[in-house]
Amino acid sequence: MSFSSLPTEIQSLLFLTFLIIYLVTLLGNSLIILVTLTDPMLHSPMYFFLRNLSFLEIGFNLVIVPKMLGTLLARDTTISFLDCAMQMYFFFFFGVAECVLLATMAYDRYVAICNPLHYPVIMNQRTRAKLAVASWFPGFPVATVQTTWLFSFPFCGTNKVNHFFCDSPPVLRLVCADTAMFEIYAIVGTVLVIMIPCLLILCSYLRIAAAILKIPSAKGKHKAFSTCSSHLLVVSLFYVSLSLTYFRPKSNNSPESKKLLSLSYTVVTPMLNPIIYSLRNNEVKNALGRTFRKALGLRFCIP
């Protein structure tokens, strides 16, 4: 159903707004991938994981936003049974992978600040590749089990999904069977997927805070904190919006409020991540400058 209950003028305005956000998201994350691949100054583990995050954000957006834009522009709110299942599958896959990857990035910052002398040895190329695989992999079993189980139920009655994408709760309302076991699994799975990485991030930053407090100079403290401030802001945006969406009491969780909250982590946060890492990180800003100067230089040097 997306935002079909809103007036046509509002839907047109939403289309333009989400289209701009979508294009900025693709451009910003693509630039992060480009500069971290091509600039030798950004070949450290921190930027390797940032590149993985940008890949995730692009995938997350491609799964949800194009269909949402289509419903707003063409007023076509239909989606096939298979497309709905695929959208849910990849939503779970990218969502779980992002939760775990953010925890991996927190561990990387912990090693960099608490064990700076051993950082290159601990976070060598082989280790970071294993951590990246470990971050992406959990999305497969979670998405496979949850999507397959949900879409194996019989559906009857209304076929209206009151959301702008095929998320589990609104699709579950269309099932005409006993879903108690699935709901228990879904609640436990959501808590584990969100809370375990969140606790790992919290533990990492408690250790980081303790290490920063031991640094004698104010300049040293500021430098150490600045290396993880961007990640901390990204984590806060993602987990706050995610928790408000899935952990609010049902009595306070109307479909319209859930749509607004879902927009924050599915549409807005992927756009903000490259902006945060670009504006708050001098290395990324300098690398972007070098990339643009190089591109302009090549353009004007070609006869």
C-alpha atoms as a PDB file:
ATOM      1  CA  MET A   1       0.000   0.000   0.000  1.00  0.00           C
ATOM      2  CA  SER A   2       3.035   2.244   0.482  1.00  0.00           C
ATOM      3  CA  PHE A   3       1.810   5.853   0.903  1.00  0.00           C
ATOM      4  CA  SER A   4      -1.316   5.445  -1.278  1.00  0.00           C
ATOM      5  CA  SER A   5      -3.574   6.867   1.447  1.00  0.00           C
ATOM      6  CA  LEU A   6      -1.916  10.274   1.092  1.00  0.00           C
ATOM      7  CA  PRO A   7      -3.129  12.939  -1.392  1.00  0.00           C
ATOM      8  CA  THR A   8      -1.649  12.834  -4.894  1.00  0.00           C
ATOM      9  CA  GLU A   9       0.253  16.113  -4.375  1.00  0.00           C
ATOM     10  CA  ILE A  10       1.951  14.743  -1.237  1.00  0.00           C
ATOM     11  CA  GLN A  11       2.873  11.531  -3.047  1.00  0.00           C
ATOM     12  CA  SER A  12       4.461  13.547  -5.868  1.00  0.00           C
ATOM     13  CA  LEU A  13       6.476  15.545  -3.335  1.00  0.00           C
ATOM     14  CA  LEU A  14       7.549  12.326  -1.605  1.00  0.00           C
ATOM     15  CA  PHE A  15       8.615  10.885  -4.965  1.00  0.00           C
ATOM     16  CA  LEU A  16      10.927  13.843  -5.671  1.00  0.00           C
ATOM     17  CA  THR A  17      12.312  13.764  -2.119  1.00  0.00           C
ATOM     18  CA  PHE A  18      13.029  10.021  -2.131  1.00  0.00           C
ATOM     19  CA  LEU A  19      14.443  10.165  -5.662  1.00  0.00           C
ATOM     20  CA  ILE A  20      16.972  12.825  -4.612  1.00  0.00           C
ATOM     21  CA  ILE A  21      17.868  10.833  -1.473  1.00  0.00           C
ATOM     22  CA  TYR A  22      18.211   7.657  -3.566  1.00  0.00           C
ATOM     23  CA  LEU A  23      20.547   9.294  -6.100  1.00  0.00           C
ATOM     24  CA  VAL A  24      22.638  10.922  -3.334  1.00  0.00           C
ATOM     25  CA  THR A  25      22.886   7.525  -1.597  1.00  0.00           C
ATOM     26  CA  LEU A  26      24.093   5.756  -4.746  1.00  0.00           C
ATOM     27  CA  LEU A  27      26.516   8.544  -5.626  1.00  0.00           C
ATOM     28  CA  GLY A  28      27.910   8.966  -2.110  1.00  0.00           C
ATOM     29  CA  ASN A  29      28.449   5.270  -1.432  1.00  0.00           C
ATOM     30  CA  SER A  30      29.872   4.703  -4.927  1.00  0.00           C
ATOM     31  CA  LEU A  31      32.389   7.504  -4.317  1.00  0.00           C
ATOM     32  CA  ILE A  32      33.402   5.921  -0.999  1.00  0.00           C
ATOM     33  CA  ILE A  33      33.970   2.598  -2.790  1.00  0.00           C
ATOM     34  CA  LEU A  34      35.922   4.321  -5.579  1.00  0.00           C
ATOM     35  CA  VAL A  35      38.281   6.343  -3.369  1.00  0.00           C
ATOM     36  CA  THR A  36      38.943   3.495  -0.920  1.00  0.00           C
ATOM     37  CA  LEU A  37      39.861   1.249  -3.859  1.00  0.00           C
ATOM     38  CA  THR A  38      41.981   3.690  -5.868  1.00  0.00           C
ATOM     39  CA  ASP A  39      43.674   5.876  -3.251  1.00  0.00           C
ATOM     40  CA  PRO A  40      46.731   4.167  -1.647  1.00  0.00           C
ATOM     41  CA  MET A  41      46.286   6.285   1.513  1.00  0.00           C
ATOM     42  CA  LEU A  42      42.957   4.564   2.171  1.00  0.00           C
ATOM     43  CA  HIS A  43      44.092   0.936   1.981  1.00  0.00           C
ATOM     44  CA  SER A  44      43.973   0.432   5.763  1.00  0.00           C
ATOM     45  CA  PRO A  45      41.555  -2.062   7.439  1.00  0.00           C
ATOM     46  CA  MET A  46      39.251   0.776   8.568  1.00  0.00           C
ATOM     47  CA  TYR A  47      38.533   1.798   4.980  1.00  0.00           C
ATOM     48  CA  PHE A  48      38.295  -1.819   3.828  1.00  0.00           C
ATOM     49  CA  PHE A  49      35.340  -2.261   6.215  1.00  0.00           C
ATOM     50  CA  LEU A  50      33.929   1.136   5.228  1.00  0.00           C
ATOM     51  CA  ARG A  51      33.932  -0.045   1.610  1.00  0.00           C
ATOM     52  CA  ASN A  52      31.983  -3.142   2.662  1.00  0.00           C
ATOM     53  CA  LEU A  53      29.485  -0.913   4.479  1.00  0.00           C
ATOM     54  CA  SER A  54      28.993   1.168   1.319  1.00  0.00           C
ATOM     55  CA  PHE A  55      28.326  -2.004  -0.708  1.00  0.00           C
ATOM     56  CA  LEU A  56      25.726  -2.986   1.883  1.00  0.00           C
ATOM     57  CA  GLU A  57      24.034   0.406   1.804  1.00  0.00           C
ATOM     58  CA  ILE A  58      23.754   0.320  -1.982  1.00  0.00           C
ATOM     59  CA  GLY A  59      22.255  -3.179  -1.845  1.00  0.00           C
ATOM     60  CA  PHE A  60      19.850  -2.164   0.936  1.00  0.00           C
ATOM     61  CA  ASN A  61      18.622   0.767  -1.163  1.00  0.00           C
ATOM     62  CA  LEU A  62      18.283  -1.222  -4.389  1.00  0.00           C
ATOM     63  CA  VAL A  63      16.064  -3.750  -2.617  1.00  0.00           C
ATOM     64  CA  ILE A  64      13.560  -1.203  -1.280  1.00  0.00           C
ATOM     65  CA  VAL A  65      13.667   2.244  -2.896  1.00  0.00           C
ATOM     66  CA  PRO A  66      13.079   1.549  -6.647  1.00  0.00           C
ATOM     67  CA  LYS A  67       9.778  -0.251  -5.935  1.00  0.00           C
ATOM     68  CA  MET A  68       8.742   2.507  -3.526  1.00  0.00           C
ATOM     69  CA  LEU A  69       9.478   5.157  -6.165  1.00  0.00           C
ATOM     70  CA  GLY A  70       7.433   3.164  -8.689  1.00  0.00           C
ATOM     71  CA  THR A  71       4.404   3.095  -6.391  1.00  0.00           C
ATOM     72  CA  LEU A  72       4.643   6.844  -5.818  1.00  0.00           C
ATOM     73  CA  LEU A  73       5.151   7.744  -9.484  1.00  0.00           C
ATOM     74  CA  ALA A  74       2.933   5.257 -11.371  1.00  0.00           C
ATOM     75  CA  ARG A  75       0.484   4.633  -8.491  1.00  0.00           C
ATOM     76  CA  ASP A  76       1.092   0.910  -9.172  1.00  0.00           C
ATOM     77  CA  THR A  77       0.990  -0.644  -5.714  1.00  0.00           C
ATOM     78  CA  THR A  78       1.005  -4.273  -6.863  1.00  0.00           C
ATOM     79  CA  ILE A  79       3.867  -6.691  -6.221  1.00  0.00           C
ATOM     80  CA  SER A  80       3.973 -10.370  -7.154  1.00  0.00           C
ATOM     81  CA  PHE A  81       4.148 -13.090  -4.515  1.00  0.00           C
ATOM     82  CA  LEU A  82       7.681 -14.067  -5.625  1.00  0.00           C
ATOM     83  CA  ASP A  83       8.926 -10.467  -5.784  1.00  0.00           C
ATOM     84  CA  CYS A  84       7.572  -9.840  -2.285  1.00  0.00           C
ATOM     85  CA  ALA A  85       9.431 -12.917  -0.978  1.00  0.00           C
ATOM     86  CA  MET A  86      12.653 -11.873  -2.724  1.00  0.00           C
ATOM     87  CA  GLN A  87      12.395  -8.331  -1.374  1.00  0.00           C
ATOM     88  CA  MET A  88      11.919  -9.664   2.171  1.00  0.00           C
ATOM     89  CA  TYR A  89      14.806 -12.118   1.751  1.00  0.00           C
ATOM     90  CA  PHE A  90      17.325  -9.488   0.674  1.00  0.00           C
ATOM     91  CA  PHE A  91      16.027  -6.992   3.241  1.00  0.00           C
ATOM     92  CA  PHE A  92      16.823  -9.506   5.994  1.00  0.00           C
ATOM     93  CA  PHE A  93      20.134 -10.431   4.387  1.00  0.00           C
ATOM     94  CA  PHE A  94      21.453  -6.873   4.110  1.00  0.00           C
ATOM     95  CA  GLY A  95      19.964  -5.845   7.469  1.00  0.00           C
ATOM     96  CA  VAL A  96      21.619  -8.685   9.406  1.00  0.00           C
ATOM     97  CA  ALA A  97      24.902  -8.209   7.546  1.00  0.00           C
ATOM     98  CA  GLU A  98      24.934  -4.506   8.439  1.00  0.00           C
ATOM     99  CA  CYS A  99      24.342  -5.215  12.153  1.00  0.00           C
ATOM    100  CA  VAL A 100      27.295  -7.619  12.233  1.00  0.00           C
ATOM    101  CA  LEU A 101      29.518  -5.421  10.062  1.00  0.00           C
ATOM    102  CA  LEU A 102      29.036  -2.427  12.370  1.00  0.00           C
ATOM    103  CA  ALA A 103      30.213  -4.643  15.260  1.00  0.00           C
ATOM    104  CA  THR A 104      33.231  -5.707  13.189  1.00  0.00           C
ATOM    105  CA  MET A 105      34.077  -2.061  12.503  1.00  0.00           C
ATOM    106  CA  ALA A 106      33.863  -1.346  16.245  1.00  0.00           C
ATOM    107  CA  TYR A 107      36.321  -4.193  16.904  1.00  0.00           C
ATOM    108  CA  ASP A 108      38.655  -2.722  14.281  1.00  0.00           C
ATOM    109  CA  ARG A 109      38.597   0.654  16.089  1.00  0.00           C
ATOM    110  CA  TYR A 110      39.194  -1.129  19.422  1.00  0.00           C
ATOM    111  CA  VAL A 111      42.332  -2.830  18.072  1.00  0.00           C
ATOM    112  CA  ALA A 112      43.566   0.394  16.416  1.00  0.00           C
ATOM    113  CA  ILE A 113      43.252   2.457  19.636  1.00  0.00           C
ATOM    114  CA  CYS A 114      43.966  -0.125  22.356  1.00  0.00           C
ATOM    115  CA  ASN A 115      46.717  -2.064  20.525  1.00  0.00           C
ATOM    116  CA  PRO A 116      48.180   0.440  18.051  1.00  0.00           C
ATOM    117  CA  LEU A 117      51.613  -1.222  17.818  1.00  0.00           C
ATOM    118  CA  HIS A 118      50.114  -4.624  17.002  1.00  0.00           C
ATOM    119  CA  TYR A 119      47.298  -3.259  14.821  1.00  0.00           C
ATOM    120  CA  PRO A 120      48.942  -3.997  11.419  1.00  0.00           C
ATOM    121  CA  VAL A 121      49.760  -7.549  12.541  1.00  0.00           C
ATOM    122  CA  ILE A 122      46.351  -8.321  14.092  1.00  0.00           C
ATOM    123  CA  MET A 123      44.323  -6.736  11.295  1.00  0.00           C
ATOM    124  CA  ASN A 124      46.336  -8.165   8.415  1.00  0.00           C
ATOM    125  CA  GLN A 125      44.831  -8.801   5.002  1.00  0.00           C
ATOM    126  CA  ARG A 126      43.824 -12.370   5.798  1.00  0.00           C
ATOM    127  CA  THR A 127      42.160 -11.453   9.094  1.00  0.00           C
ATOM    128  CA  ARG A 128      40.152  -8.591   7.629  1.00  0.00           C
ATOM    129  CA  ALA A 129      38.962 -10.838   4.783  1.00  0.00           C
ATOM    130  CA  LYS A 130      37.775 -13.433   7.334  1.00  0.00           C
ATOM    131  CA  LEU A 131      36.009 -10.737   9.369  1.00  0.00           C
ATOM    132  CA  ALA A 132      34.286  -9.427   6.228  1.00  0.00           C
ATOM    133  CA  VAL A 133      33.059 -12.929   5.312  1.00  0.00           C
ATOM    134  CA  ALA A 134      31.927 -13.465   8.914  1.00  0.00           C
ATOM    135  CA  SER A 135      29.971 -10.185   8.694  1.00  0.00           C
ATOM    136  CA  TRP A 136      28.215 -11.015   5.430  1.00  0.00           C
ATOM    137  CA  PHE A 137      27.521 -14.714   6.089  1.00  0.00           C
ATOM    138  CA  PRO A 138      24.929 -14.566   8.963  1.00  0.00           C
ATOM    139  CA  GLY A 139      22.477 -12.812   6.657  1.00  0.00           C
ATOM    140  CA  PHE A 140      22.072 -15.965   4.540  1.00  0.00           C
ATOM    141  CA  PRO A 141      20.696 -18.409   7.161  1.00  0.00           C
ATOM    142  CA  VAL A 142      18.563 -15.755   8.891  1.00  0.00           C
ATOM    143  CA  ALA A 143      17.015 -14.566   5.616  1.00  0.00           C
ATOM    144  CA  THR A 144      16.543 -18.109   4.294  1.00  0.00           C
ATOM    145  CA  VAL A 145      14.819 -19.489   7.402  1.00  0.00           C
ATOM    146  CA  GLN A 146      12.606 -16.471   8.101  1.00  0.00           C
ATOM    147  CA  THR A 147      11.486 -15.866   4.518  1.00  0.00           C
ATOM    148  CA  THR A 148      10.951 -19.539   3.629  1.00  0.00           C
ATOM    149  CA  TRP A 149       9.021 -20.193   6.836  1.00  0.00           C
ATOM    150  CA  LEU A 150       6.784 -17.130   6.498  1.00  0.00           C
ATOM    151  CA  PHE A 151       5.939 -17.703   2.832  1.00  0.00           C
ATOM    152  CA  SER A 152       5.137 -21.375   3.451  1.00  0.00           C
ATOM    153  CA  PHE A 153       2.021 -20.304   5.424  1.00  0.00           C
ATOM    154  CA  PRO A 154      -1.374 -20.142   3.689  1.00  0.00           C
ATOM    155  CA  PHE A 155      -2.563 -16.616   2.820  1.00  0.00           C
ATOM    156  CA  CYS A 156      -6.223 -15.685   2.558  1.00  0.00           C
ATOM    157  CA  GLY A 157      -8.536 -12.686   2.706  1.00  0.00           C
ATOM    158  CA  THR A 158      -7.011  -9.278   2.003  1.00  0.00           C
ATOM    159  CA  ASN A 159      -3.839  -9.040  -0.065  1.00  0.00           C
ATOM    160  CA  LYS A 160      -2.896  -5.529   1.087  1.00  0.00           C
ATOM    161  CA  VAL A 161       0.539  -5.131   2.706  1.00  0.00           C
ATOM    162  CA  ASN A 162       0.282  -1.932   4.743  1.00  0.00           C
ATOM    163  CA  HIS A 163       3.901  -0.840   4.293  1.00  0.00           C
ATOM    164  CA  PHE A 164       6.197   0.490   1.560  1.00  0.00           C
ATOM    165  CA  PHE A 165       8.091  -2.836   1.343  1.00  0.00           C
ATOM    166  CA  CYS A 166       7.500  -6.479   2.268  1.00  0.00           C
ATOM    167  CA  ASP A 167       8.588  -6.493   5.891  1.00  0.00           C
ATOM    168  CA  SER A 168       7.743  -9.473   8.099  1.00  0.00           C
ATOM    169  CA  PRO A 169       5.082  -7.977  10.473  1.00  0.00           C
ATOM    170  CA  PRO A 170       2.719  -6.538   7.822  1.00  0.00           C
ATOM    171  CA  VAL A 171       2.978  -9.678   5.652  1.00  0.00           C
ATOM    172  CA  LEU A 172       2.400 -11.887   8.712  1.00  0.00           C
ATOM    173  CA  ARG A 173      -0.967 -10.176   9.264  1.00  0.00           C
ATOM    174  CA  LEU A 174      -2.186 -11.695   5.968  1.00  0.00           C
ATOM    175  CA  VAL A 175      -1.553 -15.281   7.117  1.00  0.00           C
ATOM    176  CA  CYS A 176      -4.603 -17.381   8.029  1.00  0.00           C
ATOM    177  CA  ALA A 177      -2.909 -20.017  10.197  1.00  0.00           C
ATOM    178  CA  ASP A 178      -1.398 -20.396  13.657  1.00  0.00           C
ATOM    179  CA  THR A 179       1.812 -18.329  13.602  1.00  0.00           C
ATOM    180  CA  ALA A 180       2.689 -18.514  17.323  1.00  0.00           C
ATOM    181  CA  MET A 181       5.910 -20.513  16.825  1.00  0.00           C
ATOM    182  CA  PHE A 182       7.025 -18.267  13.987  1.00  0.00           C
ATOM    183  CA  GLU A 183       6.363 -15.141  16.035  1.00  0.00           C
ATOM    184  CA  ILE A 184       8.435 -16.516  18.927  1.00  0.00           C
ATOM    185  CA  TYR A 185      11.256 -17.345  16.520  1.00  0.00           C
ATOM    186  CA  ALA A 186      10.998 -13.890  14.906  1.00  0.00           C
ATOM    187  CA  ILE A 187      11.131 -12.081  18.264  1.00  0.00           C
ATOM    188  CA  VAL A 188      14.068 -14.153  19.557  1.00  0.00           C
ATOM    189  CA  GLY A 189      15.879 -13.821  16.224  1.00  0.00           C
ATOM    190  CA  THR A 190      15.386 -10.052  16.100  1.00  0.00           C
ATOM    191  CA  VAL A 191      16.636  -9.625  19.671  1.00  0.00           C
ATOM    192  CA  LEU A 192      19.725 -11.753  18.996  1.00  0.00           C
ATOM    193  CA  VAL A 193      20.526 -10.126  15.650  1.00  0.00           C
ATOM    194  CA  ILE A 194      20.210  -6.609  17.063  1.00  0.00           C
ATOM    195  CA  MET A 195      21.403  -7.028  20.652  1.00  0.00           C
ATOM    196  CA  ILE A 196      24.470  -9.278  20.236  1.00  0.00           C
ATOM    197  CA  PRO A 197      26.232  -6.932  17.779  1.00  0.00           C
ATOM    198  CA  CYS A 198      25.038  -3.970  19.863  1.00  0.00           C
ATOM    199  CA  LEU A 199      26.612  -5.465  23.016  1.00  0.00           C
ATOM    200  CA  LEU A 200      29.860  -6.165  21.150  1.00  0.00           C
ATOM    201  CA  ILE A 201      29.916  -2.546  19.971  1.00  0.00           C
ATOM    202  CA  LEU A 202      29.228  -1.339  23.514  1.00  0.00           C
ATOM    203  CA  CYS A 203      32.045  -3.489  24.957  1.00  0.00           C
ATOM    204  CA  SER A 204      34.462  -2.264  22.284  1.00  0.00           C
ATOM    205  CA  TYR A 205      33.673   1.380  22.977  1.00  0.00           C
ATOM    206  CA  LEU A 206      33.911   0.945  26.747  1.00  0.00           C
ATOM    207  CA  ARG A 207      37.437  -0.383  26.248  1.00  0.00           C
ATOM    208  CA  ILE A 208      38.168   2.412  23.778  1.00  0.00           C
ATOM    209  CA  ALA A 209      36.892   5.059  26.234  1.00  0.00           C
ATOM    210  CA  ALA A 210      39.081   3.597  29.002  1.00  0.00           C
ATOM    211  CA  ALA A 211      42.127   3.681  26.710  1.00  0.00           C
ATOM    212  CA  ILE A 212      41.432   7.277  25.583  1.00  0.00           C
ATOM    213  CA  LEU A 213      41.113   8.479  29.191  1.00  0.00           C
ATOM    214  CA  LYS A 214      44.612   7.156  29.892  1.00  0.00           C
ATOM    215  CA  ILE A 215      46.145   9.340  27.157  1.00  0.00           C
ATOM    216  CA  PRO A 216      47.850  12.258  28.950  1.00  0.00           C
ATOM    217  CA  SER A 217      47.516  15.019  26.323  1.00  0.00           C
ATOM    218  CA  ALA A 218      44.257  16.626  25.203  1.00  0.00           C
ATOM    219  CA  LYS A 219      45.489  16.560  21.607  1.00  0.00           C
ATOM    220  CA  GLY A 220      46.121  12.825  21.818  1.00  0.00           C
ATOM    221  CA  LYS A 221      42.655  12.216  23.262  1.00  0.00           C
ATOM    222  CA  HIS A 222      41.023  14.276  20.508  1.00  0.00           C
ATOM    223  CA  LYS A 223      42.966  12.443  17.789  1.00  0.00           C
ATOM    224  CA  ALA A 224      42.048   9.030  19.213  1.00  0.00           C
ATOM    225  CA  PHE A 225      38.367   9.943  19.570  1.00  0.00           C
ATOM    226  CA  SER A 226      38.190  11.451  16.071  1.00  0.00           C
ATOM    227  CA  THR A 227      39.188   8.090  14.533  1.00  0.00           C
ATOM    228  CA  CYS A 228      35.996   6.446  15.828  1.00  0.00           C
ATOM    229  CA  SER A 229      33.514   9.344  16.091  1.00  0.00           C
ATOM    230  CA  SER A 230      32.132   8.795  12.569  1.00  0.00           C
ATOM    231  CA  HIS A 231      31.490   5.119  13.226  1.00  0.00           C
ATOM    232  CA  LEU A 232      29.897   5.893  16.592  1.00  0.00           C
ATOM    233  CA  LEU A 233      27.496   8.377  14.965  1.00  0.00           C
ATOM    234  CA  VAL A 234      26.566   5.897  12.201  1.00  0.00           C
ATOM    235  CA  VAL A 235      25.948   3.146  14.772  1.00  0.00           C
ATOM    236  CA  SER A 236      23.763   5.453  16.873  1.00  0.00           C
ATOM    237  CA  LEU A 237      21.594   6.470  13.905  1.00  0.00           C
ATOM    238  CA  PHE A 238      21.143   2.883  12.730  1.00  0.00           C
ATOM    239  CA  TYR A 239      20.453   1.197  16.061  1.00  0.00           C
ATOM    240  CA  VAL A 240      18.193   3.893  17.508  1.00  0.00           C
ATOM    241  CA  SER A 241      15.882   3.855  14.465  1.00  0.00           C
ATOM    242  CA  LEU A 242      15.993   0.038  14.251  1.00  0.00           C
ATOM    243  CA  SER A 243      15.170  -0.395  17.959  1.00  0.00           C
ATOM    244  CA  LEU A 244      12.326   2.119  17.824  1.00  0.00           C
ATOM    245  CA  THR A 245      10.845   0.225  14.884  1.00  0.00           C
ATOM    246  CA  TYR A 246      10.984  -3.342  16.217  1.00  0.00           C
ATOM    247  CA  PHE A 247      11.018  -2.970  20.019  1.00  0.00           C
ATOM    248  CA  ARG A 248       8.149  -0.530  20.539  1.00  0.00           C
ATOM    249  CA  PRO A 249       4.971  -1.837  22.237  1.00  0.00           C
ATOM    250  CA  LYS A 250       2.285  -2.813  19.707  1.00  0.00           C
ATOM    251  CA  SER A 251      -0.132  -0.343  21.284  1.00  0.00           C
ATOM    252  CA  ASN A 252       2.215   2.518  20.319  1.00  0.00           C
ATOM    253  CA  ASN A 253       3.135   1.076  16.953  1.00  0.00           C
ATOM    254  CA  SER A 254       0.643   2.228  14.315  1.00  0.00           C
ATOM    255  CA  PRO A 255       1.348   1.305  10.658  1.00  0.00           C
ATOM    256  CA  GLU A 256       1.948   4.956   9.714  1.00  0.00           C
ATOM    257  CA  SER A 257       4.436   5.564  12.543  1.00  0.00           C
ATOM    258  CA  LYS A 258       6.261   2.357  11.628  1.00  0.00           C
ATOM    259  CA  LYS A 259       6.538   3.513   8.020  1.00  0.00           C
ATOM    260  CA  LEU A 260       8.157   6.761   9.152  1.00  0.00           C
ATOM    261  CA  LEU A 261      10.584   4.955  11.462  1.00  0.00           C
ATOM    262  CA  SER A 262      11.414   2.416   8.755  1.00  0.00           C
ATOM    263  CA  LEU A 263      12.276   5.250   6.376  1.00  0.00           C
ATOM    264  CA  SER A 264      14.998   6.389   8.790  1.00  0.00           C
ATOM    265  CA  TYR A 265      17.099   3.201   8.600  1.00  0.00           C
ATOM    266  CA  THR A 266      16.162   2.018   5.087  1.00  0.00           C
ATOM    267  CA  VAL A 267      16.355   5.336   3.199  1.00  0.00           C
ATOM    268  CA  VAL A 268      17.847   8.171   5.276  1.00  0.00           C
ATOM    269  CA  THR A 269      20.709   6.437   7.130  1.00  0.00           C
ATOM    270  CA  PRO A 270      22.273   4.924   3.948  1.00  0.00           C
ATOM    271  CA  MET A 271      22.394   8.474   2.526  1.00  0.00           C
ATOM    272  CA  LEU A 272      23.923   9.959   5.694  1.00  0.00           C
ATOM    273  CA  ASN A 273      26.685   7.358   6.159  1.00  0.00           C
ATOM    274  CA  PRO A 274      28.964   8.505   3.294  1.00  0.00           C
ATOM    275  CA  ILE A 275      28.255  12.156   4.203  1.00  0.00           C
ATOM    276  CA  ILE A 276      29.252  11.530   7.838  1.00  0.00           C
ATOM    277  CA  TYR A 277      32.442   9.695   6.870  1.00  0.00           C
ATOM    278  CA  SER A 278      33.321  12.378   4.311  1.00  0.00           C
ATOM    279  CA  LEU A 279      32.664  15.474   6.439  1.00  0.00           C
ATOM    280  CA  ARG A 280      34.136  14.108   9.700  1.00  0.00           C
ATOM    281  CA  ASN A 281      37.179  12.370   8.202  1.00  0.00           C
ATOM    282  CA  ASN A 282      40.037  14.424   6.766  1.00  0.00           C
ATOM    283  CA  GLU A 283      41.606  11.397   5.076  1.00  0.00           C
ATOM    284  CA  VAL A 284      38.435  10.717   3.096  1.00  0.00           C
ATOM    285  CA  LYS A 285      38.001  14.419   2.245  1.00  0.00           C
ATOM    286  CA  ASN A 286      41.607  14.641   1.034  1.00  0.00           C
ATOM    287  CA  ALA A 287      41.234  11.417  -0.969  1.00  0.00           C
ATOM    288  CA  LEU A 288      38.064  12.724  -2.633  1.00  0.00           C
ATOM    289  CA  GLY A 289      39.916  15.931  -3.499  1.00  0.00           C
ATOM    290  CA  ARG A 290      42.814  13.973  -5.019  1.00  0.00           C
ATOM    291  CA  THR A 291      40.393  11.792  -7.004  1.00  0.00           C
ATOM    292  CA  PHE A 292      38.510  14.800  -8.434  1.00  0.00           C
ATOM    293  CA  ARG A 293      41.762  16.629  -9.289  1.00  0.00           C
ATOM    294  CA  LYS A 294      43.106  13.524 -10.994  1.00  0.00           C
ATOM    295  CA  ALA A 295      39.876  13.064 -12.970  1.00  0.00           C
ATOM    296  CA  LEU A 296      39.863  16.728 -14.045  1.00  0.00           C
ATOM    297  CA  GLY A 297      43.559  16.570 -14.916  1.00  0.00           C
ATOM    298  CA  LEU A 298      43.067  13.532 -17.123  1.00  0.00           C
ATOM    299  CA  ARG A 299      40.094  15.186 -18.791  1.00  0.00           C
ATOM    300  CA  PHE A 300      41.972  18.353 -19.712  1.00  0.00           C
ATOM    301  CA  CYS A 301      45.203  16.546 -20.664  1.00  0.00           C
ATOM    302  CA  ILE A 302      43.564  14.333 -23.279  1.00  0.00           C
ATOM    303  CA  PRO A 303      43.946  16.013 -26.704  1.00  0.00           C
END
